[in-house]
Each structure stands twice: as structure tokens, then as C-alpha cells.
Amino acid sequence: MSIAWEELKTSAREAARSAYVPYSGYPVGAAAYADDGRLVTGCNVENSSYGLTLCAECGLVSALHRSGGGTLVAFCCVNAQGDVITPCGRCRQLLHEHAAPGMQLLTPSGVRTMAQLLPDAFGPKDLEAVS
């Protein structure tokens, strides 16, 4: 599958414009392709009790499942200036859970796989190993 990275960045920028960020003032938008070709997006939504803030990746994964499920094959997130940023550690774990094998992410240092951003990740297979 050829990845249209510019389309992902544009969609992530559009999603960032919907972010609710009254506390940090740091909007983030995320966009990804699902394994069936669907484009899903998300934005961050802050909360006054900061720990309840939802990252853009949370909204994106919710949109993935709301629109039919599947797995993610390519991902990008940007800040308010449209600069590509890297998902935080929590979001890397979230994306890992919903990633297709070999999922690609656009990062400030280029395209990386999920395994490169979260090596030796804990996931569903680890839980299956002890059930």
C-alpha cells in the first residue's frame, strides 16, 4: 500500500483545528489509514483535572472503532503549526494495540514502524500467553 503522507498531514492539521485546549493551548491533530483504506482522525480534548485529558490518538482510535473497526496501517500527528510530532509513550502503547503488522508512522525524523517507536511492546499476545 502506497501511503499518501501529505493527505495524512493535511487531515491531521484539519483535526487539530477542532482540539479543545483551554489549559495548554497546544492543539494536536492525528490522522491514520485503516487497513481497509478508511481515513480516521482525532484531536486532543483537555480536561480541568489534567489526568482526564484525551490525546488526539484516543479520539482517532475511538473513530476507528466507531466507523467499523480494523487496524491502523499508517499514522501521523501534528501540532498547531502543522509540524509533525511523535506520539507520547502512552499513545504509542494505544496505537500498538490497534496497529496492523508493520504499521508506519511519520515522525520528525522520518517514517518509522511501530516496532521502532515501541520496541518489545507489551500487548494482547502477552496476555494470551498466561491465560
N, C-alpha and C. Protein backbone atom coordinates (compact mmCIF):
# COMPACT_ATOMS: atom_id res chain seq x y z
N MET A 1 0.85 -1.19 0.00
CA MET A 1 0.00 0.00 0.00
C MET A 1 0.89 1.24 0.00
N SER A 2 0.65 2.11 -0.94
CA SER A 2 1.36 3.38 -1.01
C SER A 2 0.69 4.37 -0.05
N ILE A 3 1.47 5.01 0.80
CA ILE A 3 0.92 5.91 1.81
C ILE A 3 0.95 7.35 1.30
N ALA A 4 -0.19 8.01 1.33
CA ALA A 4 -0.29 9.42 0.93
C ALA A 4 -0.02 10.27 2.17
N TRP A 5 1.26 10.45 2.50
CA TRP A 5 1.64 11.15 3.73
C TRP A 5 1.13 12.59 3.74
N GLU A 6 1.13 13.25 2.60
CA GLU A 6 0.64 14.64 2.57
C GLU A 6 -0.85 14.71 2.91
N GLU A 7 -1.62 13.74 2.44
CA GLU A 7 -3.05 13.70 2.79
C GLU A 7 -3.22 13.48 4.29
N LEU A 8 -2.40 12.60 4.86
CA LEU A 8 -2.48 12.37 6.30
C LEU A 8 -2.13 13.65 7.06
N LYS A 9 -1.07 14.34 6.66
CA LYS A 9 -0.69 15.58 7.36
C LYS A 9 -1.78 16.63 7.23
N THR A 10 -2.36 16.78 6.06
CA THR A 10 -3.45 17.74 5.87
C THR A 10 -4.64 17.39 6.74
N SER A 11 -5.01 16.13 6.80
CA SER A 11 -6.14 15.70 7.62
C SER A 11 -5.85 15.90 9.10
N ALA A 12 -4.61 15.66 9.52
CA ALA A 12 -4.23 15.88 10.92
C ALA A 12 -4.29 17.37 11.26
N ARG A 13 -3.86 18.22 10.34
CA ARG A 13 -3.93 19.67 10.57
C ARG A 13 -5.38 20.11 10.72
N GLU A 14 -6.27 19.58 9.88
CA GLU A 14 -7.70 19.91 9.98
C GLU A 14 -8.26 19.44 11.32
N ALA A 15 -7.87 18.27 11.76
CA ALA A 15 -8.35 17.74 13.04
C ALA A 15 -7.87 18.61 14.20
N ALA A 16 -6.64 19.10 14.13
CA ALA A 16 -6.09 19.94 15.19
C ALA A 16 -6.92 21.20 15.40
N ARG A 17 -7.54 21.69 14.35
CA ARG A 17 -8.37 22.89 14.47
C ARG A 17 -9.62 22.66 15.34
N SER A 18 -9.96 21.40 15.58
CA SER A 18 -11.12 21.08 16.43
C SER A 18 -10.72 20.78 17.87
N ALA A 19 -9.44 20.83 18.17
CA ALA A 19 -8.96 20.49 19.51
C ALA A 19 -9.54 21.44 20.56
N TYR A 20 -9.76 20.90 21.75
CA TYR A 20 -10.23 21.67 22.90
C TYR A 20 -9.05 21.74 23.87
N VAL A 21 -8.34 22.89 23.86
CA VAL A 21 -7.10 23.00 24.62
C VAL A 21 -7.04 24.31 25.43
N PRO A 22 -8.02 24.55 26.32
CA PRO A 22 -8.03 25.81 27.05
C PRO A 22 -6.92 25.92 28.10
N TYR A 23 -6.27 24.83 28.45
CA TYR A 23 -5.27 24.86 29.52
C TYR A 23 -3.86 24.91 28.97
N SER A 24 -3.53 24.05 28.03
CA SER A 24 -2.17 24.04 27.48
C SER A 24 -2.02 24.95 26.27
N GLY A 25 -3.10 25.16 25.55
CA GLY A 25 -3.01 25.91 24.31
C GLY A 25 -2.22 25.17 23.24
N TYR A 26 -2.12 23.84 23.37
CA TYR A 26 -1.32 23.02 22.45
C TYR A 26 -2.22 22.04 21.70
N PRO A 27 -2.84 22.49 20.60
CA PRO A 27 -3.70 21.58 19.85
C PRO A 27 -2.89 20.53 19.09
N VAL A 28 -3.43 19.33 19.06
CA VAL A 28 -2.82 18.23 18.31
C VAL A 28 -3.91 17.58 17.47
N GLY A 29 -3.57 17.28 16.25
CA GLY A 29 -4.46 16.53 15.37
C GLY A 29 -3.76 15.27 14.92
N ALA A 30 -4.53 14.20 14.75
CA ALA A 30 -3.97 12.93 14.31
C ALA A 30 -4.81 12.39 13.16
N ALA A 31 -4.15 11.70 12.26
CA ALA A 31 -4.84 11.08 11.12
C ALA A 31 -4.15 9.75 10.83
N ALA A 32 -4.95 8.79 10.40
CA ALA A 32 -4.40 7.47 10.07
C ALA A 32 -5.27 6.79 9.02
N TYR A 33 -4.65 5.86 8.32
CA TYR A 33 -5.39 4.99 7.42
C TYR A 33 -5.62 3.67 8.12
N ALA A 34 -6.84 3.16 7.99
CA ALA A 34 -7.16 1.82 8.48
C ALA A 34 -6.79 0.81 7.40
N ASP A 35 -6.78 -0.45 7.78
CA ASP A 35 -6.38 -1.50 6.85
C ASP A 35 -7.31 -1.63 5.65
N ASP A 36 -8.52 -1.08 5.74
CA ASP A 36 -9.45 -1.12 4.59
C ASP A 36 -9.41 0.17 3.78
N GLY A 37 -8.47 1.07 4.10
CA GLY A 37 -8.31 2.30 3.35
C GLY A 37 -9.02 3.52 3.93
N ARG A 38 -9.88 3.30 4.95
CA ARG A 38 -10.56 4.43 5.58
C ARG A 38 -9.56 5.39 6.19
N LEU A 39 -9.90 6.67 6.19
CA LEU A 39 -9.12 7.70 6.85
C LEU A 39 -9.85 8.05 8.14
N VAL A 40 -9.16 7.96 9.28
CA VAL A 40 -9.75 8.32 10.57
C VAL A 40 -8.90 9.43 11.19
N THR A 41 -9.55 10.30 11.95
CA THR A 41 -8.84 11.42 12.56
C THR A 41 -9.25 11.57 14.02
N GLY A 42 -8.47 12.35 14.75
CA GLY A 42 -8.78 12.67 16.14
C GLY A 42 -8.06 13.93 16.55
N CYS A 43 -8.53 14.55 17.62
CA CYS A 43 -7.88 15.74 18.17
C CYS A 43 -7.84 15.60 19.69
N ASN A 44 -6.95 16.36 20.32
CA ASN A 44 -6.87 16.28 21.77
C ASN A 44 -8.00 17.09 22.41
N VAL A 45 -8.45 16.60 23.57
CA VAL A 45 -9.53 17.23 24.32
C VAL A 45 -9.08 17.28 25.78
N GLU A 46 -8.79 18.50 26.25
CA GLU A 46 -8.29 18.65 27.62
C GLU A 46 -9.43 18.66 28.63
N ASN A 47 -9.04 18.50 29.89
CA ASN A 47 -9.98 18.49 31.00
C ASN A 47 -9.32 19.23 32.15
N SER A 48 -10.13 19.93 32.94
CA SER A 48 -9.56 20.70 34.05
C SER A 48 -8.85 19.83 35.08
N SER A 49 -9.21 18.57 35.18
CA SER A 49 -8.41 17.65 36.01
C SER A 49 -7.46 16.94 35.05
N TYR A 50 -6.35 17.56 34.77
CA TYR A 50 -5.45 17.24 33.68
C TYR A 50 -5.32 15.76 33.34
N GLY A 51 -5.37 14.89 34.32
CA GLY A 51 -5.22 13.45 34.07
C GLY A 51 -6.31 12.87 33.19
N LEU A 52 -7.43 13.54 33.07
CA LEU A 52 -8.53 13.04 32.23
C LEU A 52 -8.44 13.54 30.80
N THR A 53 -7.43 14.31 30.48
CA THR A 53 -7.25 14.81 29.12
C THR A 53 -7.10 13.65 28.15
N LEU A 54 -7.72 13.79 26.99
CA LEU A 54 -7.64 12.77 25.95
C LEU A 54 -6.71 13.26 24.84
N CYS A 55 -5.71 12.48 24.53
CA CYS A 55 -4.82 12.81 23.43
C CYS A 55 -5.54 12.61 22.10
N ALA A 56 -5.00 13.19 21.06
CA ALA A 56 -5.59 13.06 19.72
C ALA A 56 -5.67 11.59 19.31
N GLU A 57 -4.69 10.80 19.72
CA GLU A 57 -4.68 9.39 19.37
C GLU A 57 -5.88 8.65 19.96
N CYS A 58 -6.33 9.08 21.15
CA CYS A 58 -7.51 8.47 21.76
C CYS A 58 -8.74 8.69 20.90
N GLY A 59 -8.91 9.92 20.43
CA GLY A 59 -10.03 10.22 19.56
C GLY A 59 -9.96 9.46 18.25
N LEU A 60 -8.75 9.31 17.72
CA LEU A 60 -8.56 8.59 16.48
C LEU A 60 -8.93 7.11 16.63
N VAL A 61 -8.47 6.47 17.70
CA VAL A 61 -8.79 5.05 17.92
C VAL A 61 -10.29 4.88 18.15
N SER A 62 -10.90 5.83 18.84
CA SER A 62 -12.35 5.78 19.02
C SER A 62 -13.05 5.88 17.66
N ALA A 63 -12.60 6.79 16.81
CA ALA A 63 -13.18 6.94 15.47
C ALA A 63 -12.97 5.68 14.64
N LEU A 64 -11.83 5.03 14.80
CA LEU A 64 -11.57 3.77 14.09
C LEU A 64 -12.65 2.75 14.41
N HIS A 65 -12.91 2.58 15.69
CA HIS A 65 -13.89 1.56 16.10
C HIS A 65 -15.32 1.99 15.81
N ARG A 66 -15.60 3.28 15.94
CA ARG A 66 -16.94 3.78 15.65
C ARG A 66 -17.28 3.61 14.17
N SER A 67 -16.27 3.67 13.32
CA SER A 67 -16.52 3.62 11.88
C SER A 67 -16.31 2.24 11.26
N GLY A 68 -16.17 1.21 12.08
CA GLY A 68 -16.10 -0.14 11.53
C GLY A 68 -14.98 -1.01 12.04
N GLY A 69 -14.09 -0.47 12.85
CA GLY A 69 -13.01 -1.29 13.42
C GLY A 69 -11.86 -1.47 12.46
N GLY A 70 -11.13 -2.53 12.66
CA GLY A 70 -9.95 -2.80 11.84
C GLY A 70 -8.68 -2.41 12.57
N THR A 71 -7.62 -2.30 11.80
CA THR A 71 -6.33 -1.93 12.36
C THR A 71 -5.76 -0.74 11.58
N LEU A 72 -4.76 -0.10 12.17
CA LEU A 72 -4.13 1.07 11.57
C LEU A 72 -2.89 0.66 10.79
N VAL A 73 -2.73 1.23 9.60
CA VAL A 73 -1.56 0.89 8.78
C VAL A 73 -0.59 2.05 8.63
N ALA A 74 -1.08 3.29 8.77
CA ALA A 74 -0.21 4.46 8.65
C ALA A 74 -0.77 5.56 9.53
N PHE A 75 0.11 6.33 10.19
CA PHE A 75 -0.31 7.31 11.19
C PHE A 75 0.56 8.55 11.12
N CYS A 76 -0.06 9.69 11.43
CA CYS A 76 0.66 10.96 11.50
C CYS A 76 -0.04 11.85 12.52
N CYS A 77 0.72 12.61 13.31
CA CYS A 77 0.10 13.64 14.14
C CYS A 77 0.93 14.92 14.05
N VAL A 78 0.23 16.04 14.23
CA VAL A 78 0.85 17.36 14.06
C VAL A 78 0.44 18.28 15.20
N ASN A 79 1.23 19.35 15.38
CA ASN A 79 0.87 20.38 16.36
C ASN A 79 0.15 21.53 15.65
N ALA A 80 -0.08 22.61 16.37
CA ALA A 80 -0.84 23.75 15.82
C ALA A 80 -0.17 24.38 14.61
N GLN A 81 1.14 24.30 14.52
CA GLN A 81 1.85 24.88 13.37
C GLN A 81 1.88 23.92 12.19
N GLY A 82 1.32 22.73 12.38
CA GLY A 82 1.34 21.73 11.32
C GLY A 82 2.61 20.92 11.27
N ASP A 83 3.46 21.09 12.29
CA ASP A 83 4.70 20.31 12.35
C ASP A 83 4.39 18.89 12.78
N VAL A 84 5.02 17.93 12.14
CA VAL A 84 4.87 16.53 12.53
C VAL A 84 5.50 16.35 13.90
N ILE A 85 4.77 15.67 14.79
CA ILE A 85 5.27 15.37 16.13
C ILE A 85 5.17 13.87 16.37
N THR A 86 5.83 13.39 17.39
CA THR A 86 5.84 11.97 17.72
C THR A 86 4.86 11.70 18.87
N PRO A 87 4.08 10.64 18.79
CA PRO A 87 3.17 10.31 19.89
C PRO A 87 3.91 10.11 21.21
N CYS A 88 3.27 10.50 22.30
CA CYS A 88 3.85 10.27 23.63
C CYS A 88 3.88 8.76 23.91
N GLY A 89 4.52 8.38 24.97
CA GLY A 89 4.63 6.96 25.31
C GLY A 89 3.30 6.28 25.51
N ARG A 90 2.37 6.93 26.22
CA ARG A 90 1.04 6.36 26.44
C ARG A 90 0.35 6.11 25.12
N CYS A 91 0.46 7.06 24.22
CA CYS A 91 -0.21 6.93 22.92
C CYS A 91 0.47 5.90 22.03
N ARG A 92 1.77 5.73 22.18
CA ARG A 92 2.45 4.67 21.43
C ARG A 92 1.86 3.32 21.83
N GLN A 93 1.62 3.15 23.13
CA GLN A 93 1.03 1.90 23.61
C GLN A 93 -0.38 1.74 23.04
N LEU A 94 -1.16 2.80 23.04
CA LEU A 94 -2.51 2.76 22.49
C LEU A 94 -2.48 2.40 21.01
N LEU A 95 -1.61 3.04 20.26
CA LEU A 95 -1.50 2.76 18.83
C LEU A 95 -1.03 1.33 18.58
N HIS A 96 -0.11 0.85 19.39
CA HIS A 96 0.39 -0.53 19.25
C HIS A 96 -0.77 -1.52 19.33
N GLU A 97 -1.69 -1.29 20.23
CA GLU A 97 -2.84 -2.19 20.42
C GLU A 97 -3.71 -2.28 19.17
N HIS A 98 -3.71 -1.22 18.36
CA HIS A 98 -4.61 -1.15 17.21
C HIS A 98 -3.86 -1.11 15.88
N ALA A 99 -2.59 -1.46 15.91
CA ALA A 99 -1.74 -1.40 14.73
C ALA A 99 -1.77 -2.69 13.93
N ALA A 100 -1.80 -2.54 12.61
CA ALA A 100 -1.58 -3.68 11.73
C ALA A 100 -0.09 -4.03 11.79
N PRO A 101 0.26 -5.27 11.49
CA PRO A 101 1.69 -5.60 11.44
C PRO A 101 2.41 -4.66 10.47
N GLY A 102 3.54 -4.11 10.91
CA GLY A 102 4.32 -3.21 10.07
C GLY A 102 3.78 -1.80 9.96
N MET A 103 2.84 -1.43 10.83
CA MET A 103 2.28 -0.08 10.78
C MET A 103 3.40 0.95 10.70
N GLN A 104 3.18 1.97 9.86
CA GLN A 104 4.16 3.04 9.67
C GLN A 104 3.67 4.33 10.30
N LEU A 105 4.60 5.09 10.88
CA LEU A 105 4.29 6.38 11.48
C LEU A 105 5.23 7.42 10.90
N LEU A 106 4.68 8.57 10.54
CA LEU A 106 5.51 9.68 10.10
C LEU A 106 5.96 10.42 11.35
N THR A 107 7.27 10.56 11.54
CA THR A 107 7.84 11.22 12.71
C THR A 107 8.73 12.37 12.24
N PRO A 108 9.16 13.23 13.15
CA PRO A 108 10.07 14.31 12.75
C PRO A 108 11.37 13.80 12.11
N SER A 109 11.74 12.56 12.41
CA SER A 109 12.97 12.01 11.84
C SER A 109 12.69 11.06 10.67
N GLY A 110 11.47 11.07 10.16
CA GLY A 110 11.14 10.23 9.01
C GLY A 110 10.12 9.16 9.34
N VAL A 111 9.89 8.28 8.40
CA VAL A 111 8.91 7.20 8.57
C VAL A 111 9.55 6.10 9.42
N ARG A 112 8.83 5.69 10.44
CA ARG A 112 9.27 4.62 11.34
C ARG A 112 8.14 3.60 11.47
N THR A 113 8.50 2.40 11.87
CA THR A 113 7.48 1.40 12.17
C THR A 113 7.09 1.51 13.64
N MET A 114 5.95 0.94 13.95
CA MET A 114 5.51 0.92 15.35
C MET A 114 6.56 0.22 16.21
N ALA A 115 7.13 -0.87 15.71
CA ALA A 115 8.14 -1.61 16.47
C ALA A 115 9.38 -0.76 16.74
N GLN A 116 9.71 0.16 15.85
CA GLN A 116 10.86 1.04 16.09
C GLN A 116 10.55 2.08 17.17
N LEU A 117 9.29 2.54 17.23
CA LEU A 117 8.92 3.53 18.24
C LEU A 117 8.61 2.92 19.60
N LEU A 118 8.23 1.65 19.61
CA LEU A 118 7.89 0.98 20.87
C LEU A 118 8.44 -0.45 20.81
N PRO A 119 9.78 -0.58 20.91
CA PRO A 119 10.36 -1.92 20.82
C PRO A 119 9.96 -2.79 22.01
N ASP A 120 9.82 -4.06 21.75
CA ASP A 120 9.47 -5.04 22.79
C ASP A 120 8.19 -4.66 23.52
N ALA A 121 7.22 -4.15 22.78
CA ALA A 121 5.96 -3.67 23.37
C ALA A 121 5.17 -4.78 24.03
N PHE A 122 4.48 -4.42 25.09
CA PHE A 122 3.54 -5.30 25.77
C PHE A 122 2.21 -5.19 25.04
N GLY A 123 1.56 -6.31 24.80
CA GLY A 123 0.29 -6.26 24.08
C GLY A 123 -0.58 -7.47 24.32
N PRO A 124 -1.63 -7.61 23.53
CA PRO A 124 -2.57 -8.71 23.71
C PRO A 124 -1.92 -10.09 23.71
N LYS A 125 -0.87 -10.30 22.92
CA LYS A 125 -0.22 -11.60 22.88
C LYS A 125 0.40 -11.95 24.24
N ASP A 126 0.85 -10.92 24.97
CA ASP A 126 1.42 -11.19 26.31
C ASP A 126 0.33 -11.68 27.25
N LEU A 127 -0.87 -11.14 27.14
CA LEU A 127 -1.97 -11.58 27.99
C LEU A 127 -2.42 -12.98 27.62
N GLU A 128 -2.44 -13.27 26.32
CA GLU A 128 -2.83 -14.61 25.86
C GLU A 128 -1.86 -15.67 26.34
N ALA A 129 -0.59 -15.31 26.52
CA ALA A 129 0.42 -16.25 26.93
C ALA A 129 0.20 -16.79 28.32
N VAL A 130 -0.56 -16.09 29.14
CA VAL A 130 -0.77 -16.56 30.51
C VAL A 130 -2.23 -16.92 30.79
N SER A 131 -3.07 -16.86 29.79
CA SER A 131 -4.49 -17.20 30.05
C SER A 131 -4.77 -18.66 29.86
